[in-house]
């Protein structure tokens, strides 16, 4: 089974291109630290993950009262949707499906738009909430920080939920954390799992004005963040010099995209991140995924993203060696489909 994140697959793999996490993470020191903290599971964690919240507040230069620590960024989306139940929500698509799922669970009227029509649709629909993934999943598109600030200024009656789970995966200037004090209509969601390759620990947080945080917090389940996740969060925030090499990763991405574009069956879509979409000119994404899985290579079938037209896959760049494995198999697929 493959879910919205892409890597829920049980089985041995030689290369996993489906999950948008930093492939080069060395978490051996983190594992050692967590082993030393195993005793913490003998008691309940802090109800609001207060010790981690303070570290996050110091890092982001905001008050701890402006943060809610969550069991992954997905919990943040459901908390927001619950706190504003019954609202009009406008979602910039194609994007992560959990925004719409969370909104529908709490009786939102959900509408979709795209980057081109965003301003027009806000003016016409006057949504209560606007959901923007920045950088976007699945296509790696980015709004500059200046563009986000302009939206916040132009539409003060709409609350903008900015999901920055992949903020570390782009060189574009997109951070708007320092705008929380200025704009009461801003909610920022961030994740600690993508950059540090710990998605299994489920660790994210949201930041907003004190008024919004108070409204959201009443729907938060106590102890939703476990003790080891709290300890992991504090550790990685204090030990971030771990060899993360975004520039090199993006260079490898460009090499991979160029090789993919040399095949008749595929056309990659430009991205500001190491993950990107590929449109199939021939064949079906489901068949390609099955073919690659037969060689223990996993990609993300992306055809079901709202707003995409045609057959698509999503790929997150790995090492040169694994990228070349993928290229060899895509070459095989390209030849077979072209000849059929």
C-alpha atoms as a PDB file:
ATOM      1  CA  UNK A   1       0.000   0.000   0.000  1.00  0.00           C
ATOM      2  CA  UNK A   2       1.259   3.492  -0.860  1.00  0.00           C
ATOM      3  CA  UNK A   3      -0.279   6.420   0.989  1.00  0.00           C
ATOM      4  CA  UNK A   4      -0.021  10.181   0.609  1.00  0.00           C
ATOM      5  CA  UNK A   5       3.530  10.243   1.945  1.00  0.00           C
ATOM      6  CA  UNK A   6       4.689   7.644  -0.545  1.00  0.00           C
ATOM      7  CA  UNK A   7       6.757   5.113   1.382  1.00  0.00           C
ATOM      8  CA  UNK A   8       4.283   2.880   3.215  1.00  0.00           C
ATOM      9  CA  UNK A   9       5.603  -0.286   1.574  1.00  0.00           C
ATOM     10  CA  UNK A  10       6.414  -3.532   3.346  1.00  0.00           C
ATOM     11  CA  UNK A  11       9.261  -5.297   1.622  1.00  0.00           C
ATOM     12  CA  UNK A  12      12.936  -5.118   0.767  1.00  0.00           C
ATOM     13  CA  UNK A  13      14.046  -2.287  -1.504  1.00  0.00           C
ATOM     14  CA  UNK A  14      17.305  -1.392  -3.200  1.00  0.00           C
ATOM     15  CA  UNK A  15      16.215   2.224  -3.693  1.00  0.00           C
ATOM     16  CA  UNK A  16      13.292   4.261  -2.330  1.00  0.00           C
ATOM     17  CA  UNK A  17      12.579   7.346  -4.452  1.00  0.00           C
ATOM     18  CA  UNK A  18       9.056   7.719  -3.078  1.00  0.00           C
ATOM     19  CA  UNK A  19       9.620   9.524   0.221  1.00  0.00           C
ATOM     20  CA  UNK A  20      10.673  13.185   0.426  1.00  0.00           C
ATOM     21  CA  UNK A  21      13.348  12.911   3.116  1.00  0.00           C
ATOM     22  CA  UNK A  22      17.086  13.647   3.166  1.00  0.00           C
ATOM     23  CA  UNK A  23      18.654  10.388   1.941  1.00  0.00           C
ATOM     24  CA  UNK A  24      22.121  11.100   3.369  1.00  0.00           C
ATOM     25  CA  UNK A  25      21.204  11.482   7.032  1.00  0.00           C
ATOM     26  CA  UNK A  26      23.512   9.781   9.531  1.00  0.00           C
ATOM     27  CA  UNK A  27      21.398   9.330  12.647  1.00  0.00           C
ATOM     28  CA  UNK A  28      23.781   7.047  14.506  1.00  0.00           C
ATOM     29  CA  UNK A  29      24.480   9.722  17.155  1.00  0.00           C
ATOM     30  CA  UNK A  30      20.739  10.329  17.525  1.00  0.00           C
ATOM     31  CA  UNK A  31      20.123   6.599  18.001  1.00  0.00           C
ATOM     32  CA  UNK A  32      22.772   6.501  20.710  1.00  0.00           C
ATOM     33  CA  UNK A  33      21.222   9.499  22.424  1.00  0.00           C
ATOM     34  CA  UNK A  34      17.725   8.015  22.295  1.00  0.00           C
ATOM     35  CA  UNK A  35      19.028   4.782  23.770  1.00  0.00           C
ATOM     36  CA  UNK A  36      20.339   6.801  26.719  1.00  0.00           C
ATOM     37  CA  UNK A  37      16.875   8.344  27.079  1.00  0.00           C
ATOM     38  CA  UNK A  38      14.903   5.101  27.039  1.00  0.00           C
ATOM     39  CA  UNK A  39      14.129   5.482  30.744  1.00  0.00           C
ATOM     40  CA  UNK A  40      11.819   8.386  29.875  1.00  0.00           C
ATOM     41  CA  UNK A  41       9.199   5.964  28.520  1.00  0.00           C
ATOM     42  CA  UNK A  42       8.559   4.812  32.100  1.00  0.00           C
ATOM     43  CA  UNK A  43       6.526   7.950  32.769  1.00  0.00           C
ATOM     44  CA  UNK A  44       4.063  10.083  30.864  1.00  0.00           C
ATOM     45  CA  UNK A  45       5.562  12.703  28.558  1.00  0.00           C
ATOM     46  CA  UNK A  46       5.018  16.396  29.175  1.00  0.00           C
ATOM     47  CA  UNK A  47       1.382  17.068  28.240  1.00  0.00           C
ATOM     48  CA  UNK A  48       2.294  19.894  25.839  1.00  0.00           C
ATOM     49  CA  UNK A  49       5.891  18.852  25.061  1.00  0.00           C
ATOM     50  CA  UNK A  50       6.932  21.963  26.960  1.00  0.00           C
ATOM     51  CA  UNK A  51      10.687  21.375  26.986  1.00  0.00           C
ATOM     52  CA  UNK A  52      10.769  20.945  23.208  1.00  0.00           C
ATOM     53  CA  UNK A  53       8.396  23.870  22.741  1.00  0.00           C
ATOM     54  CA  UNK A  54      10.847  26.152  24.531  1.00  0.00           C
ATOM     55  CA  UNK A  55      13.755  25.036  22.334  1.00  0.00           C
ATOM     56  CA  UNK A  56      11.616  25.695  19.251  1.00  0.00           C
ATOM     57  CA  UNK A  57      10.612  29.102  20.605  1.00  0.00           C
ATOM     58  CA  UNK A  58      14.251  30.072  21.154  1.00  0.00           C
ATOM     59  CA  UNK A  59      15.206  28.877  17.677  1.00  0.00           C
ATOM     60  CA  UNK A  60      12.385  30.762  15.950  1.00  0.00           C
ATOM     61  CA  UNK A  61      12.638  33.823  18.225  1.00  0.00           C
ATOM     62  CA  UNK A  62       8.986  33.735  19.247  1.00  0.00           C
ATOM     63  CA  UNK A  63       7.167  33.049  22.513  1.00  0.00           C
ATOM     64  CA  UNK A  64       6.525  29.464  23.559  1.00  0.00           C
ATOM     65  CA  UNK A  65       2.846  30.446  23.807  1.00  0.00           C
ATOM     66  CA  UNK A  66       2.849  30.842  20.003  1.00  0.00           C
ATOM     67  CA  UNK A  67       3.731  27.189  19.334  1.00  0.00           C
ATOM     68  CA  UNK A  68       1.868  23.891  19.417  1.00  0.00           C
ATOM     69  CA  UNK A  69       4.041  20.768  19.150  1.00  0.00           C
ATOM     70  CA  UNK A  70       2.314  17.993  17.212  1.00  0.00           C
ATOM     71  CA  UNK A  71       2.503  14.311  16.378  1.00  0.00           C
ATOM     72  CA  UNK A  72       3.809  15.080  12.910  1.00  0.00           C
ATOM     73  CA  UNK A  73       2.715  18.027  10.813  1.00  0.00           C
ATOM     74  CA  UNK A  74      -0.370  16.042   9.817  1.00  0.00           C
ATOM     75  CA  UNK A  75      -1.783  16.368  13.341  1.00  0.00           C
ATOM     76  CA  UNK A  76      -1.373  20.135  12.933  1.00  0.00           C
ATOM     77  CA  UNK A  77      -3.555  20.118   9.812  1.00  0.00           C
ATOM     78  CA  UNK A  78      -6.343  18.240  11.590  1.00  0.00           C
ATOM     79  CA  UNK A  79      -6.114  20.509  14.641  1.00  0.00           C
ATOM     80  CA  UNK A  80      -6.432  23.588  12.428  1.00  0.00           C
ATOM     81  CA  UNK A  81      -9.340  22.111  10.493  1.00  0.00           C
ATOM     82  CA  UNK A  82     -11.082  21.191  13.756  1.00  0.00           C
ATOM     83  CA  UNK A  83     -10.531  24.613  15.316  1.00  0.00           C
ATOM     84  CA  UNK A  84     -12.102  26.251  12.257  1.00  0.00           C
ATOM     85  CA  UNK A  85     -14.734  23.608  11.570  1.00  0.00           C
ATOM     86  CA  UNK A  86     -17.391  24.495   9.017  1.00  0.00           C
ATOM     87  CA  UNK A  87     -15.170  27.061   7.307  1.00  0.00           C
ATOM     88  CA  UNK A  88     -14.635  27.850   3.643  1.00  0.00           C
ATOM     89  CA  UNK A  89     -11.209  26.454   2.719  1.00  0.00           C
ATOM     90  CA  UNK A  90      -9.307  27.184  -0.490  1.00  0.00           C
ATOM     91  CA  UNK A  91      -6.422  24.822  -1.257  1.00  0.00           C
ATOM     92  CA  UNK A  92      -3.647  25.620  -3.740  1.00  0.00           C
ATOM     93  CA  UNK A  93      -3.269  22.449  -5.817  1.00  0.00           C
ATOM     94  CA  UNK A  94      -1.841  20.038  -6.818  1.00  0.00           C
ATOM     95  CA  UNK A  95      -0.755  19.369  -3.278  1.00  0.00           C
ATOM     96  CA  UNK A  96      -0.720  17.093  -0.240  1.00  0.00           C
ATOM     97  CA  UNK A  97      -4.110  15.395   0.136  1.00  0.00           C
ATOM     98  CA  UNK A  98      -4.256  15.641   3.933  1.00  0.00           C
ATOM     99  CA  UNK A  99      -5.328  19.304   3.815  1.00  0.00           C
ATOM    100  CA  UNK A 100      -8.542  18.402   2.011  1.00  0.00           C
ATOM    101  CA  UNK A 101      -9.030  15.227   4.069  1.00  0.00           C
ATOM    102  CA  UNK A 102      -8.726  17.169   7.333  1.00  0.00           C
ATOM    103  CA  UNK A 103     -11.039  19.915   6.111  1.00  0.00           C
ATOM    104  CA  UNK A 104     -13.721  17.498   4.957  1.00  0.00           C
ATOM    105  CA  UNK A 105     -13.579  15.640   8.258  1.00  0.00           C
ATOM    106  CA  UNK A 106     -14.556  18.887   9.983  1.00  0.00           C
ATOM    107  CA  UNK A 107     -17.216  19.955   7.478  1.00  0.00           C
ATOM    108  CA  UNK A 108     -15.314  22.584   5.556  1.00  0.00           C
ATOM    109  CA  UNK A 109     -16.509  23.653   2.140  1.00  0.00           C
ATOM    110  CA  UNK A 110     -13.367  22.768   0.182  1.00  0.00           C
ATOM    111  CA  UNK A 111     -12.419  24.458  -3.087  1.00  0.00           C
ATOM    112  CA  UNK A 112      -9.235  24.064  -5.090  1.00  0.00           C
ATOM    113  CA  UNK A 113      -7.241  26.641  -7.013  1.00  0.00           C
ATOM    114  CA  UNK A 114      -3.772  26.942  -8.527  1.00  0.00           C
ATOM    115  CA  UNK A 115      -0.970  29.487  -8.369  1.00  0.00           C
ATOM    116  CA  UNK A 116      -2.184  31.284 -11.471  1.00  0.00           C
ATOM    117  CA  UNK A 117      -5.750  31.789 -10.225  1.00  0.00           C
ATOM    118  CA  UNK A 118      -5.056  32.162  -6.512  1.00  0.00           C
ATOM    119  CA  UNK A 119      -5.661  35.894  -6.163  1.00  0.00           C
ATOM    120  CA  UNK A 120      -8.764  35.856  -8.331  1.00  0.00           C
ATOM    121  CA  UNK A 121     -10.261  32.944  -6.413  1.00  0.00           C
ATOM    122  CA  UNK A 122      -9.557  34.529  -3.026  1.00  0.00           C
ATOM    123  CA  UNK A 123     -11.306  37.711  -4.157  1.00  0.00           C
ATOM    124  CA  UNK A 124     -14.256  35.763  -5.574  1.00  0.00           C
ATOM    125  CA  UNK A 125     -14.697  33.026  -2.947  1.00  0.00           C
ATOM    126  CA  UNK A 126     -13.545  34.983   0.128  1.00  0.00           C
ATOM    127  CA  UNK A 127     -12.325  31.839   1.929  1.00  0.00           C
ATOM    128  CA  UNK A 128     -11.863  31.655   5.685  1.00  0.00           C
ATOM    129  CA  UNK A 129      -8.665  29.633   5.244  1.00  0.00           C
ATOM    130  CA  UNK A 130      -6.167  29.366   2.394  1.00  0.00           C
ATOM    131  CA  UNK A 131      -3.853  26.336   2.437  1.00  0.00           C
ATOM    132  CA  UNK A 132      -0.444  26.638   0.762  1.00  0.00           C
ATOM    133  CA  UNK A 133       2.358  24.072   0.806  1.00  0.00           C
ATOM    134  CA  UNK A 134       5.631  25.960   0.410  1.00  0.00           C
ATOM    135  CA  UNK A 135       7.747  24.363  -1.045  1.00  0.00           C
ATOM    136  CA  UNK A 136       4.894  22.461  -2.577  1.00  0.00           C
ATOM    137  CA  UNK A 137       4.478  18.715  -2.552  1.00  0.00           C
ATOM    138  CA  UNK A 138       4.485  17.129  -5.143  1.00  0.00           C
ATOM    139  CA  UNK A 139       5.971  19.592  -7.667  1.00  0.00           C
ATOM    140  CA  UNK A 140       8.532  21.580  -5.632  1.00  0.00           C
ATOM    141  CA  UNK A 141       7.044  24.939  -6.589  1.00  0.00           C
ATOM    142  CA  UNK A 142       7.808  27.838  -4.206  1.00  0.00           C
ATOM    143  CA  UNK A 143       6.205  31.124  -3.254  1.00  0.00           C
ATOM    144  CA  UNK A 144       8.809  33.720  -2.308  1.00  0.00           C
ATOM    145  CA  UNK A 145       8.457  35.209   1.180  1.00  0.00           C
ATOM    146  CA  UNK A 146       7.552  38.542  -0.430  1.00  0.00           C
ATOM    147  CA  UNK A 147       4.662  36.877  -2.256  1.00  0.00           C
ATOM    148  CA  UNK A 148       3.325  35.337   0.957  1.00  0.00           C
ATOM    149  CA  UNK A 149       3.546  38.684   2.760  1.00  0.00           C
ATOM    150  CA  UNK A 150       1.645  40.331  -0.076  1.00  0.00           C
ATOM    151  CA  UNK A 151      -1.145  37.757   0.248  1.00  0.00           C
ATOM    152  CA  UNK A 152      -1.295  38.291   4.016  1.00  0.00           C
ATOM    153  CA  UNK A 153      -1.548  42.041   3.496  1.00  0.00           C
ATOM    154  CA  UNK A 154      -4.027  41.977   0.633  1.00  0.00           C
ATOM    155  CA  UNK A 155      -6.442  39.499   2.222  1.00  0.00           C
ATOM    156  CA  UNK A 156      -6.521  40.133   5.993  1.00  0.00           C
ATOM    157  CA  UNK A 157      -9.888  38.384   6.371  1.00  0.00           C
ATOM    158  CA  UNK A 158      -8.460  35.039   5.237  1.00  0.00           C
ATOM    159  CA  UNK A 159      -6.198  32.948   7.442  1.00  0.00           C
ATOM    160  CA  UNK A 160      -3.252  31.523   5.504  1.00  0.00           C
ATOM    161  CA  UNK A 161      -2.001  28.085   6.545  1.00  0.00           C
ATOM    162  CA  UNK A 162       1.566  27.845   5.207  1.00  0.00           C
ATOM    163  CA  UNK A 163       2.993  24.333   5.346  1.00  0.00           C
ATOM    164  CA  UNK A 164       6.784  24.642   5.365  1.00  0.00           C
ATOM    165  CA  UNK A 165       7.590  20.970   5.944  1.00  0.00           C
ATOM    166  CA  UNK A 166      10.143  21.111   3.114  1.00  0.00           C
ATOM    167  CA  UNK A 167      11.605  24.524   3.855  1.00  0.00           C
ATOM    168  CA  UNK A 168      15.114  23.051   4.166  1.00  0.00           C
ATOM    169  CA  UNK A 169      14.885  21.584   0.658  1.00  0.00           C
ATOM    170  CA  UNK A 170      15.085  24.826  -1.320  1.00  0.00           C
ATOM    171  CA  UNK A 171      17.485  27.716  -1.729  1.00  0.00           C
ATOM    172  CA  UNK A 172      14.653  30.158  -2.383  1.00  0.00           C
ATOM    173  CA  UNK A 173      13.870  32.822   0.240  1.00  0.00           C
ATOM    174  CA  UNK A 174      10.540  31.538   1.546  1.00  0.00           C
ATOM    175  CA  UNK A 175      10.723  31.762   5.354  1.00  0.00           C
ATOM    176  CA  UNK A 176       8.019  33.941   6.939  1.00  0.00           C
ATOM    177  CA  UNK A 177       8.365  32.924  10.592  1.00  0.00           C
ATOM    178  CA  UNK A 178       9.375  36.446  11.569  1.00  0.00           C
ATOM    179  CA  UNK A 179       6.037  37.695  10.195  1.00  0.00           C
ATOM    180  CA  UNK A 180       3.951  35.933  12.856  1.00  0.00           C
ATOM    181  CA  UNK A 181       4.070  38.977  15.112  1.00  0.00           C
ATOM    182  CA  UNK A 182       2.892  41.255  12.300  1.00  0.00           C
ATOM    183  CA  UNK A 183       0.158  39.167  10.695  1.00  0.00           C
ATOM    184  CA  UNK A 184      -2.634  37.708  12.858  1.00  0.00           C
ATOM    185  CA  UNK A 185      -3.899  35.795   9.811  1.00  0.00           C
ATOM    186  CA  UNK A 186      -0.791  33.598   9.501  1.00  0.00           C
ATOM    187  CA  UNK A 187      -0.351  29.982  10.618  1.00  0.00           C
ATOM    188  CA  UNK A 188       2.958  28.244   9.848  1.00  0.00           C
ATOM    189  CA  UNK A 189       3.362  24.470  10.036  1.00  0.00           C
ATOM    190  CA  UNK A 190       6.829  22.949  10.091  1.00  0.00           C
ATOM    191  CA  UNK A 191       8.274  19.459  10.395  1.00  0.00           C
ATOM    192  CA  UNK A 192      11.417  18.104  12.024  1.00  0.00           C
ATOM    193  CA  UNK A 193      11.244  14.783  10.191  1.00  0.00           C
ATOM    194  CA  UNK A 194      12.027  15.507   6.521  1.00  0.00           C
ATOM    195  CA  UNK A 195      15.361  17.284   6.925  1.00  0.00           C
ATOM    196  CA  UNK A 196      16.551  14.821   9.576  1.00  0.00           C
ATOM    197  CA  UNK A 197      15.060  11.636   8.059  1.00  0.00           C
ATOM    198  CA  UNK A 198      13.014  10.611  11.100  1.00  0.00           C
ATOM    199  CA  UNK A 199       9.438  10.416   9.731  1.00  0.00           C
ATOM    200  CA  UNK A 200       8.688   7.419  11.939  1.00  0.00           C
ATOM    201  CA  UNK A 201       8.995   9.594  15.055  1.00  0.00           C
ATOM    202  CA  UNK A 202       6.126  11.867  13.901  1.00  0.00           C
ATOM    203  CA  UNK A 203       7.296  15.300  14.987  1.00  0.00           C
ATOM    204  CA  UNK A 204       5.983  18.647  13.760  1.00  0.00           C
ATOM    205  CA  UNK A 205       4.715  21.952  15.115  1.00  0.00           C
ATOM    206  CA  UNK A 206       2.631  24.965  14.237  1.00  0.00           C
ATOM    207  CA  UNK A 207       3.227  28.637  14.970  1.00  0.00           C
ATOM    208  CA  UNK A 208       0.705  31.480  15.022  1.00  0.00           C
ATOM    209  CA  UNK A 209      -0.569  34.417  17.047  1.00  0.00           C
ATOM    210  CA  UNK A 210      -1.516  33.787  20.668  1.00  0.00           C
ATOM    211  CA  UNK A 211      -5.195  34.108  19.779  1.00  0.00           C
ATOM    212  CA  UNK A 212      -5.059  31.391  17.138  1.00  0.00           C
ATOM    213  CA  UNK A 213      -2.905  29.137  19.324  1.00  0.00           C
ATOM    214  CA  UNK A 214      -5.449  29.393  22.147  1.00  0.00           C
ATOM    215  CA  UNK A 215      -8.237  28.456  19.752  1.00  0.00           C
ATOM    216  CA  UNK A 216      -6.338  25.484  18.321  1.00  0.00           C
ATOM    217  CA  UNK A 217      -4.952  24.203  21.635  1.00  0.00           C
ATOM    218  CA  UNK A 218      -8.376  23.369  23.047  1.00  0.00           C
ATOM    219  CA  UNK A 219      -8.652  20.591  20.458  1.00  0.00           C
ATOM    220  CA  UNK A 220      -5.216  19.114  21.092  1.00  0.00           C
ATOM    221  CA  UNK A 221      -5.107  15.643  22.584  1.00  0.00           C
ATOM    222  CA  UNK A 222      -2.859  15.430  25.689  1.00  0.00           C
ATOM    223  CA  UNK A 223       0.357  13.428  25.379  1.00  0.00           C
ATOM    224  CA  UNK A 224       0.106  13.274  21.588  1.00  0.00           C
ATOM    225  CA  UNK A 225       3.913  13.585  21.316  1.00  0.00           C
ATOM    226  CA  UNK A 226       5.769  10.732  22.981  1.00  0.00           C
ATOM    227  CA  UNK A 227       8.841  11.056  25.204  1.00  0.00           C
ATOM    228  CA  UNK A 228      11.378   9.764  22.686  1.00  0.00           C
ATOM    229  CA  UNK A 229      10.088  12.096  19.970  1.00  0.00           C
ATOM    230  CA  UNK A 230      10.455  15.028  22.375  1.00  0.00           C
ATOM    231  CA  UNK A 231      14.014  14.008  23.216  1.00  0.00           C
ATOM    232  CA  UNK A 232      14.833  13.500  19.528  1.00  0.00           C
ATOM    233  CA  UNK A 233      13.506  16.971  18.692  1.00  0.00           C
ATOM    234  CA  UNK A 234      15.603  18.665  21.354  1.00  0.00           C
ATOM    235  CA  UNK A 235      18.688  16.729  20.297  1.00  0.00           C
ATOM    236  CA  UNK A 236      18.515  17.476  16.568  1.00  0.00           C
ATOM    237  CA  UNK A 237      17.748  21.164  17.140  1.00  0.00           C
ATOM    238  CA  UNK A 238      20.910  21.454  19.227  1.00  0.00           C
ATOM    239  CA  UNK A 239      23.066  19.302  16.905  1.00  0.00           C
ATOM    240  CA  UNK A 240      22.236  20.382  13.347  1.00  0.00           C
ATOM    241  CA  UNK A 241      25.782  20.170  11.937  1.00  0.00           C
ATOM    242  CA  UNK A 242      25.223  16.749  10.420  1.00  0.00           C
ATOM    243  CA  UNK A 243      26.549  17.002   6.863  1.00  0.00           C
ATOM    244  CA  UNK A 244      23.326  18.121   5.180  1.00  0.00           C
ATOM    245  CA  UNK A 245      24.352  19.235   1.659  1.00  0.00           C
ATOM    246  CA  UNK A 246      21.473  20.888  -0.124  1.00  0.00           C
ATOM    247  CA  UNK A 247      23.536  22.395  -2.956  1.00  0.00           C
ATOM    248  CA  UNK A 248      25.023  19.026  -3.932  1.00  0.00           C
ATOM    249  CA  UNK A 249      21.628  17.359  -3.611  1.00  0.00           C
ATOM    250  CA  UNK A 250      20.055  19.893  -5.967  1.00  0.00           C
ATOM    251  CA  UNK A 251      22.899  19.409  -8.447  1.00  0.00           C
ATOM    252  CA  UNK A 252      22.304  15.658  -8.444  1.00  0.00           C
ATOM    253  CA  UNK A 253      18.620  16.365  -8.969  1.00  0.00           C
ATOM    254  CA  UNK A 254      19.369  18.418 -12.080  1.00  0.00           C
ATOM    255  CA  UNK A 255      21.540  15.615 -13.473  1.00  0.00           C
ATOM    256  CA  UNK A 256      18.794  13.073 -12.801  1.00  0.00           C
ATOM    257  CA  UNK A 257      16.090  15.242 -14.407  1.00  0.00           C
ATOM    258  CA  UNK A 258      18.193  15.775 -17.539  1.00  0.00           C
ATOM    259  CA  UNK A 259      18.706  12.045 -17.945  1.00  0.00           C
ATOM    260  CA  UNK A 260      15.006  11.368 -17.499  1.00  0.00           C
ATOM    261  CA  UNK A 261      14.178  14.009 -20.108  1.00  0.00           C
ATOM    262  CA  UNK A 262      16.345  12.169 -22.648  1.00  0.00           C
ATOM    263  CA  UNK A 263      13.669   9.443 -22.830  1.00  0.00           C
ATOM    264  CA  UNK A 264      10.675   9.851 -25.113  1.00  0.00           C
ATOM    265  CA  UNK A 265       8.190   8.527 -22.547  1.00  0.00           C
ATOM    266  CA  UNK A 266       9.007  11.017 -19.790  1.00  0.00           C
ATOM    267  CA  UNK A 267       9.047  14.746 -19.190  1.00  0.00           C
ATOM    268  CA  UNK A 268      10.217  16.081 -15.833  1.00  0.00           C
ATOM    269  CA  UNK A 269       8.643  19.214 -14.393  1.00  0.00           C
ATOM    270  CA  UNK A 270      11.096  21.887 -13.115  1.00  0.00           C
ATOM    271  CA  UNK A 271      11.301  22.035  -9.323  1.00  0.00           C
ATOM    272  CA  UNK A 272      12.945  24.181  -6.658  1.00  0.00           C
ATOM    273  CA  UNK A 273      13.576  21.083  -4.524  1.00  0.00           C
ATOM    274  CA  UNK A 274      15.329  17.696  -4.851  1.00  0.00           C
ATOM    275  CA  UNK A 275      11.932  16.048  -5.444  1.00  0.00           C
ATOM    276  CA  UNK A 276       9.996  16.602  -8.658  1.00  0.00           C
ATOM    277  CA  UNK A 277       7.162  15.365 -10.832  1.00  0.00           C
ATOM    278  CA  UNK A 278       7.571  13.416 -14.052  1.00  0.00           C
ATOM    279  CA  UNK A 279       4.762  13.264 -16.602  1.00  0.00           C
ATOM    280  CA  UNK A 280       4.415  10.104 -18.643  1.00  0.00           C
ATOM    281  CA  UNK A 281       3.952  10.768 -22.352  1.00  0.00           C
ATOM    282  CA  UNK A 282       3.079   7.112 -22.873  1.00  0.00           C
ATOM    283  CA  UNK A 283       2.009   4.318 -20.532  1.00  0.00           C
ATOM    284  CA  UNK A 284       0.405   4.336 -17.088  1.00  0.00           C
ATOM    285  CA  UNK A 285       2.048   5.363 -13.828  1.00  0.00           C
ATOM    286  CA  UNK A 286       0.608   2.316 -12.040  1.00  0.00           C
ATOM    287  CA  UNK A 287       2.242  -0.027 -14.565  1.00  0.00           C
ATOM    288  CA  UNK A 288       5.562   1.781 -14.258  1.00  0.00           C
ATOM    289  CA  UNK A 289       5.424   1.548 -10.465  1.00  0.00           C
ATOM    290  CA  UNK A 290       4.741  -2.188 -10.674  1.00  0.00           C
ATOM    291  CA  UNK A 291       7.611  -2.654 -13.133  1.00  0.00           C
ATOM    292  CA  UNK A 292      10.059  -0.781 -10.906  1.00  0.00           C
ATOM    293  CA  UNK A 293       8.898  -2.631  -7.791  1.00  0.00           C
ATOM    294  CA  UNK A 294       9.730  -5.891  -9.537  1.00  0.00           C
ATOM    295  CA  UNK A 295      13.296  -4.574  -9.441  1.00  0.00           C
ATOM    296  CA  UNK A 296      12.905  -3.436  -5.802  1.00  0.00           C
ATOM    297  CA  UNK A 297      12.788   0.264  -6.748  1.00  0.00           C
ATOM    298  CA  UNK A 298       9.966   2.373  -5.287  1.00  0.00           C
ATOM    299  CA  UNK A 299       8.584   5.580  -6.767  1.00  0.00           C
ATOM    300  CA  UNK A 300       5.510   7.623  -5.835  1.00  0.00           C
ATOM    301  CA  UNK A 301       2.583   7.237  -8.174  1.00  0.00           C
ATOM    302  CA  UNK A 302       1.265  10.815  -8.339  1.00  0.00           C
ATOM    303  CA  UNK A 303      -1.575  10.636 -10.819  1.00  0.00           C
ATOM    304  CA  UNK A 304      -4.159  10.950  -8.028  1.00  0.00           C
ATOM    305  CA  UNK A 305      -3.018  14.414  -6.876  1.00  0.00           C
ATOM    306  CA  UNK A 306      -5.864  16.905  -7.260  1.00  0.00           C
ATOM    307  CA  UNK A 307      -5.154  19.267 -10.138  1.00  0.00           C
ATOM    308  CA  UNK A 308      -2.810  17.072 -12.178  1.00  0.00           C
ATOM    309  CA  UNK A 309      -3.802  16.208 -15.728  1.00  0.00           C
ATOM    310  CA  UNK A 310      -2.470  12.914 -17.078  1.00  0.00           C
ATOM    311  CA  UNK A 311      -0.164  10.240 -15.721  1.00  0.00           C
ATOM    312  CA  UNK A 312       2.505  11.388 -13.250  1.00  0.00           C
ATOM    313  CA  UNK A 313       5.089   9.987 -10.863  1.00  0.00           C
ATOM    314  CA  UNK A 314       7.054  11.778  -8.150  1.00  0.00           C
ATOM    315  CA  UNK A 315      10.736  11.129  -7.570  1.00  0.00           C
ATOM    316  CA  UNK A 316      12.978  12.266  -4.732  1.00  0.00           C
ATOM    317  CA  UNK A 317      16.637  12.357  -5.756  1.00  0.00           C
ATOM    318  CA  UNK A 318      18.983   9.881  -4.063  1.00  0.00           C
ATOM    319  CA  UNK A 319      22.712   9.186  -4.476  1.00  0.00           C
ATOM    320  CA  UNK A 320      24.314   9.109  -7.934  1.00  0.00           C
ATOM    321  CA  UNK A 321      24.592   5.310  -7.744  1.00  0.00           C
ATOM    322  CA  UNK A 322      20.910   4.796  -6.948  1.00  0.00           C
ATOM    323  CA  UNK A 323      19.834   7.455  -9.414  1.00  0.00           C
ATOM    324  CA  UNK A 324      21.675   5.538 -12.133  1.00  0.00           C
ATOM    325  CA  UNK A 325      19.852   2.347 -11.133  1.00  0.00           C
ATOM    326  CA  UNK A 326      16.585   4.169 -11.685  1.00  0.00           C
ATOM    327  CA  UNK A 327      17.733   5.574 -15.027  1.00  0.00           C
ATOM    328  CA  UNK A 328      18.685   2.093 -16.267  1.00  0.00           C
ATOM    329  CA  UNK A 329      15.247   0.727 -15.441  1.00  0.00           C
ATOM    330  CA  UNK A 330      13.457   3.772 -16.860  1.00  0.00           C
ATOM    331  CA  UNK A 331      15.453   3.190 -20.040  1.00  0.00           C
ATOM    332  CA  UNK A 332      14.158  -0.396 -20.162  1.00  0.00           C
ATOM    333  CA  UNK A 333      10.596   0.794 -19.640  1.00  0.00           C
ATOM    334  CA  UNK A 334      11.009   3.524 -22.246  1.00  0.00           C
ATOM    335  CA  UNK A 335      12.187   1.014 -24.874  1.00  0.00           C
ATOM    336  CA  UNK A 336       9.394  -1.456 -24.137  1.00  0.00           C
ATOM    337  CA  UNK A 337       6.622   1.172 -24.198  1.00  0.00           C
ATOM    338  CA  UNK A 338       8.001   2.892 -27.294  1.00  0.00           C
ATOM    339  CA  UNK A 339       8.071  -0.402 -29.205  1.00  0.00           C
ATOM    340  CA  UNK A 340       4.590  -1.476 -28.110  1.00  0.00           C
END
